[in-house]
Amino acid sequence: MSDNVIELKQITTRFGDHVVHAGIDLEVKRAEVFALVGGSGSGKSTLLREMILLQRPDAGLIRLLGIDLMDINEADAQHLRQRWGVLFQHGGLFGSLTVLENVGLPLREHTDLDDALIDDIAAWKIEMTGLAPEVGAQYPSELSGGMLKRASLARALALDPELLFLDEPTAGLDPISAGGFDELVLTLRALFGLTIVMVTHDLDLLWRVSDRVAVLGEGVVQGVGSMAELSRMQSPSIRSYFEGPRGRAARPVGEIRTQRHSEELPSKPR
């Protein structure tokens, strides 16, 4: 059995004459936290949309949970969607429903459970994400940014997914709320063995929770590795991402010392 939960091979995506992806190859392993990063327009969100069947690439192969997405029919696609959860950047909750109703909605759509049990499961998911029980009776417009992210995550977890997609999960959050979300991601992975794929610009989040990171740019993958490995790569596009003021500020002190030491070592005689 393959250890890869997601496989992307030679993904090509165009919008008119503009090439977004020009042969993307990536693999995501089971139970890892995998991140997609890159500059604006590098195709991170587009690639995420292709993985969750919201968009189709022009060419290439996407295999997710062992299933080829390029030839999938609608019935199989509907079943497959129940095996993953998605936290959208702006939450995506329905404003006319309470948090409890929002979290219970996937269960009402895809299971035959009675309403009382659905409410119990939804309340448990809300509590699991660190929200107080009374939040279930509130509407999305009544929540802070951090609470809204957690409520949206609770809905993404409603069907006990094997795979979790996070689109800019800490965008717009204050440092304390963002730090709490970091811990939540690690806890969920540890408890349920989730495979997590996220798109983010949050360098603190990347250093704290990611196992591997893929840097996209100019239509291709510029590099893949742990944050420590990427921070030592010599590619100009990768170095510019990590060597700016924000990148240096987010890097753990130990990593800065390690890199400085390696850069100061004399080269071996030829």
Foldseek 3Di string as FASTA:
>chain_A
DDQFQKWWFQFWADDVPRTLAGTETDTFGFLFEEEEEEDPSNCRVVVVCCQLVNDPTPDTWMAGRNRTPVPDDPVVSVVVNLQFFEQDPQLPFDQVAALLCRLLVVCVVPHPDDPVVSSVLLLVLLVLLPDDSVSRRHGLVPDDPLSSLSSSVSSRCSSPHQEYEYEASCPPHDPVSSVSVLVSVVVCSVVRSHRYYYYHLQLLSLLRGGQKYFYGDPNYTPDMGRPLVLCQDDPPRSVVSQVDPNNVVNDDPVSVVVNVVVVPDDDDDD
